[in-house]
N, C-alpha and C. Protein backbone atom coordinates (compact mmCIF):
# COMPACT_ATOMS: atom_id res chain seq x y z
N MET A 1 159.87 97.00 92.05
CA MET A 1 158.59 96.66 91.57
C MET A 1 158.18 97.78 90.70
N ASN A 2 157.31 97.30 89.62
CA ASN A 2 156.84 98.14 88.62
C ASN A 2 155.60 98.74 88.93
N PHE A 3 155.12 99.72 88.24
CA PHE A 3 153.75 100.41 88.48
C PHE A 3 152.62 99.73 88.57
N ARG A 4 152.48 98.61 87.68
CA ARG A 4 151.34 97.97 87.23
C ARG A 4 151.12 96.72 88.74
N ALA A 5 152.38 96.26 89.16
CA ALA A 5 152.30 95.65 90.33
C ALA A 5 151.97 96.19 91.50
N LEU A 6 152.27 97.44 91.63
CA LEU A 6 152.04 98.30 92.74
C LEU A 6 150.63 98.93 92.68
N LYS A 7 150.04 98.89 91.54
CA LYS A 7 148.61 99.27 91.37
C LYS A 7 147.60 98.19 91.64
N SER A 8 148.04 96.85 91.41
CA SER A 8 147.11 95.73 91.71
C SER A 8 147.07 95.60 93.37
N CYS A 9 148.44 95.92 93.72
CA CYS A 9 148.57 95.48 95.66
C CYS A 9 148.04 96.52 96.06
N SER A 10 147.91 98.07 95.53
CA SER A 10 147.15 99.02 96.42
C SER A 10 145.76 98.64 96.04
N ARG A 11 145.06 98.02 94.91
CA ARG A 11 143.60 97.74 94.87
C ARG A 11 143.52 96.46 95.79
N LEU A 12 144.16 95.62 96.01
CA LEU A 12 143.88 94.62 96.98
C LEU A 12 143.72 95.06 98.39
N PHE A 13 144.86 95.81 98.65
CA PHE A 13 144.82 96.21 100.16
C PHE A 13 143.60 97.32 100.24
N GLY A 14 143.07 97.89 99.27
CA GLY A 14 141.92 98.99 99.57
C GLY A 14 140.93 98.00 99.80
N GLN A 15 140.69 96.64 99.34
CA GLN A 15 139.38 96.01 99.28
C GLN A 15 139.36 95.24 101.03
N ARG A 16 140.32 94.85 101.31
CA ARG A 16 140.81 93.93 102.59
C ARG A 16 140.66 95.04 103.66
N THR A 17 139.83 94.63 104.78
CA THR A 17 139.96 95.61 106.09
C THR A 17 140.61 94.51 107.33
N PHE A 18 141.48 95.22 108.07
CA PHE A 18 142.27 94.18 108.92
C PHE A 18 141.87 94.86 110.26
N THR A 19 140.59 94.42 110.61
CA THR A 19 140.10 94.65 111.73
C THR A 19 139.55 93.59 112.56
N THR A 20 139.42 93.69 114.11
CA THR A 20 139.08 92.52 114.66
C THR A 20 137.68 92.05 114.73
N SER A 21 136.77 92.88 114.77
CA SER A 21 135.59 92.83 114.43
C SER A 21 134.59 94.13 114.37
N LYS A 22 133.72 93.78 113.52
CA LYS A 22 132.59 95.04 113.10
C LYS A 22 131.79 95.33 114.45
N LYS A 23 131.80 96.95 114.38
CA LYS A 23 131.35 97.64 115.65
C LYS A 23 129.75 97.41 115.71
N SER A 24 129.09 96.87 116.38
CA SER A 24 127.78 96.53 116.52
C SER A 24 127.07 97.91 117.02
N PHE A 25 126.04 98.45 116.47
CA PHE A 25 124.83 99.32 116.92
C PHE A 25 124.00 98.99 117.86
N ARG A 26 123.40 99.66 118.63
CA ARG A 26 121.91 99.37 119.07
C ARG A 26 120.94 99.37 118.02
N THR A 27 120.10 98.12 118.61
CA THR A 27 118.63 98.49 117.74
C THR A 27 118.01 99.45 118.03
N MET A 28 116.83 99.78 117.35
CA MET A 28 115.92 100.63 117.93
C MET A 28 115.32 100.28 119.06
N GLU A 29 114.82 98.91 119.25
CA GLU A 29 114.15 98.48 120.50
C GLU A 29 115.08 98.58 121.72
N GLU A 30 116.31 98.59 121.38
CA GLU A 30 117.33 98.47 122.57
C GLU A 30 117.41 99.95 123.21
N PHE A 31 117.23 101.03 121.81
CA PHE A 31 117.50 102.40 122.34
C PHE A 31 116.45 102.85 122.78
N LYS A 32 115.09 102.41 122.36
CA LYS A 32 113.84 102.89 123.18
C LYS A 32 113.87 102.23 124.64
N GLU A 33 114.41 101.11 124.62
CA GLU A 33 114.44 100.45 125.92
C GLU A 33 115.30 101.23 127.14
N LEU A 34 116.66 101.89 126.65
CA LEU A 34 117.36 102.90 127.26
C LEU A 34 116.76 104.10 127.62
N GLN A 35 116.10 104.60 126.64
CA GLN A 35 115.38 105.79 126.84
C GLN A 35 114.36 105.72 127.68
N ARG A 36 113.46 104.57 127.92
CA ARG A 36 112.48 104.38 129.06
C ARG A 36 113.18 104.46 130.27
N GLN A 37 114.35 103.60 130.49
CA GLN A 37 114.96 103.62 131.70
C GLN A 37 115.64 104.64 132.11
N PHE A 38 115.88 105.87 131.47
CA PHE A 38 116.43 106.88 131.78
C PHE A 38 115.14 107.93 132.21
N GLN A 39 114.15 107.55 131.69
CA GLN A 39 112.74 108.38 131.91
C GLN A 39 112.15 108.19 133.16
N VAL A 40 112.19 107.10 133.71
CA VAL A 40 111.58 106.74 134.97
C VAL A 40 111.92 107.71 136.09
N ASP A 41 110.61 108.24 136.68
CA ASP A 41 110.79 109.20 137.96
C ASP A 41 111.01 108.47 138.97
N ASP A 42 112.21 108.37 139.51
CA ASP A 42 112.36 107.37 140.62
C ASP A 42 113.33 108.14 141.43
N GLY A 43 113.70 109.33 141.44
CA GLY A 43 114.42 109.98 142.35
C GLY A 43 115.76 110.34 142.22
N VAL A 44 116.24 109.17 141.28
CA VAL A 44 117.69 109.23 141.00
C VAL A 44 118.22 110.01 140.07
N PRO A 45 119.20 110.54 140.28
CA PRO A 45 119.86 111.80 139.10
C PRO A 45 120.14 111.09 138.06
N ILE A 46 120.40 111.83 136.84
CA ILE A 46 120.46 111.24 135.47
C ILE A 46 121.87 110.83 135.50
N TYR A 47 122.72 111.40 136.26
CA TYR A 47 124.28 110.68 136.08
C TYR A 47 124.33 109.38 136.92
N LEU A 48 123.32 108.94 137.45
CA LEU A 48 123.32 107.64 138.31
C LEU A 48 122.44 106.66 137.91
N LYS A 49 121.65 106.86 136.64
CA LYS A 49 120.64 105.82 136.30
C LYS A 49 121.19 104.58 135.95
N ARG A 50 122.48 104.56 135.52
CA ARG A 50 122.91 103.15 135.10
C ARG A 50 123.36 102.29 135.88
N GLY A 51 123.46 102.75 137.37
CA GLY A 51 123.31 101.57 138.48
C GLY A 51 124.91 102.06 138.96
N ALA A 52 125.74 100.57 139.53
CA ALA A 52 126.55 100.57 140.18
C ALA A 52 127.98 101.45 139.36
N ARG A 53 127.81 101.02 138.05
CA ARG A 53 129.10 101.71 137.34
C ARG A 53 129.22 103.12 137.35
N ASP A 54 127.87 103.69 137.41
CA ASP A 54 127.96 105.24 137.48
C ASP A 54 128.19 105.53 138.87
N ARG A 55 127.74 104.88 139.75
CA ARG A 55 128.30 105.27 141.30
C ARG A 55 129.70 105.13 141.28
N ILE A 56 130.60 103.97 140.60
CA ILE A 56 131.87 104.00 140.91
C ILE A 56 132.51 105.18 140.57
N TYR A 57 132.15 105.41 138.85
CA TYR A 57 132.82 106.61 138.50
C TYR A 57 132.49 108.03 139.23
N PHE A 58 131.24 108.11 139.55
CA PHE A 58 130.91 109.37 140.53
C PHE A 58 131.82 109.49 141.80
N THR A 59 131.86 108.51 142.45
CA THR A 59 132.65 108.21 143.79
C THR A 59 134.14 108.73 143.37
N PHE A 60 134.64 107.73 142.25
CA PHE A 60 136.10 108.23 141.90
C PHE A 60 136.34 109.57 141.50
N VAL A 61 135.59 110.29 140.81
CA VAL A 61 135.66 111.64 140.69
C VAL A 61 135.67 112.53 141.54
N LEU A 62 134.50 112.44 142.51
CA LEU A 62 134.46 113.09 143.86
C LEU A 62 135.98 112.92 144.53
N PHE A 63 136.63 111.71 144.66
CA PHE A 63 137.82 111.67 145.53
C PHE A 63 138.97 112.26 144.61
N MET A 64 138.94 112.40 143.55
CA MET A 64 140.01 113.21 142.70
C MET A 64 139.86 114.44 142.99
N LEU A 65 138.67 114.82 142.92
CA LEU A 65 138.34 116.32 143.12
C LEU A 65 138.80 116.72 144.65
N ALA A 66 138.30 116.06 145.66
CA ALA A 66 138.65 116.14 147.11
C ALA A 66 140.56 116.33 147.22
N GLY A 67 141.16 115.52 146.33
CA GLY A 67 142.50 115.45 146.59
C GLY A 67 143.22 116.42 145.80
N GLY A 68 142.64 116.80 144.68
CA GLY A 68 143.17 117.80 143.96
C GLY A 68 142.93 119.42 144.68
N LEU A 69 141.67 119.34 145.50
CA LEU A 69 141.39 120.54 146.24
C LEU A 69 142.48 120.36 147.36
N ALA A 70 142.69 119.37 148.17
CA ALA A 70 143.70 119.32 149.27
C ALA A 70 145.12 119.74 148.78
N ASN A 71 145.60 119.48 147.51
CA ASN A 71 146.90 119.57 147.16
C ASN A 71 147.16 121.12 146.65
N ALA A 72 145.74 121.65 146.47
CA ALA A 72 145.88 123.16 145.71
C ALA A 72 146.10 124.08 147.31
N GLY A 73 145.23 123.35 148.29
CA GLY A 73 145.48 124.18 149.66
C GLY A 73 146.93 124.00 150.14
N ARG A 74 147.47 122.61 149.98
CA ARG A 74 148.72 122.60 150.47
C ARG A 74 149.74 123.47 149.88
N ILE A 75 149.64 123.43 148.26
CA ILE A 75 150.48 124.55 147.61
C ILE A 75 150.17 125.74 148.04
N ILE A 76 149.10 126.27 148.53
CA ILE A 76 148.69 127.84 148.72
C ILE A 76 149.41 128.10 150.23
N TYR A 77 149.30 126.98 150.68
CA TYR A 77 149.72 127.29 152.35
C TYR A 77 151.39 127.39 152.49
N THR A 78 151.88 126.58 151.81
CA THR A 78 153.41 126.46 151.54
C THR A 78 153.95 127.95 150.82
N LYS A 79 153.07 128.45 149.89
CA LYS A 79 153.77 129.71 149.29
C LYS A 79 153.36 130.89 150.14
N VAL A 80 152.31 131.04 150.97
CA VAL A 80 152.12 132.01 151.97
C VAL A 80 152.89 131.88 153.27
N PHE A 81 153.09 130.47 153.59
CA PHE A 81 153.86 130.29 154.89
C PHE A 81 155.06 129.50 154.53
N PRO A 82 156.30 130.11 153.89
CA PRO A 82 157.41 129.08 153.25
C PRO A 82 157.86 128.77 154.45
N PRO A 83 158.76 127.62 154.38
CA PRO A 83 159.18 127.06 155.71
C PRO A 83 160.57 127.69 155.95
N LYS A 84 160.88 127.64 157.33
CA LYS A 84 161.84 128.53 157.75
C LYS A 84 163.08 127.83 157.55
N PRO A 85 164.28 128.67 157.11
CA PRO A 85 165.49 128.31 156.64
C PRO A 85 166.23 127.57 157.66
N GLN A 86 167.24 126.52 157.55
CA GLN A 86 167.63 125.96 158.55
C GLN A 86 168.90 126.77 158.90
N GLN A 87 169.21 126.59 160.17
CA GLN A 87 170.74 127.20 160.50
C GLN A 87 171.82 126.19 160.88
């Protein structure tokens, strides 16, 4: 392949985009509505304002933290009180 053919191919590939779809952004009205939703004083913490999805994420994180804490306690216990050697 000569240099001219390579140059024309590179020009074509530079113009084409191989994506599935264009990323859509929120409009200003949607953004303002989302701000209004977060500003409502209803006693719900900010990290749970989006509803069930946030509650699922929050509960998952709590269970993972509890599991990590239990595992750390188990490791510390086995280091402090090593198992007795078998005879």
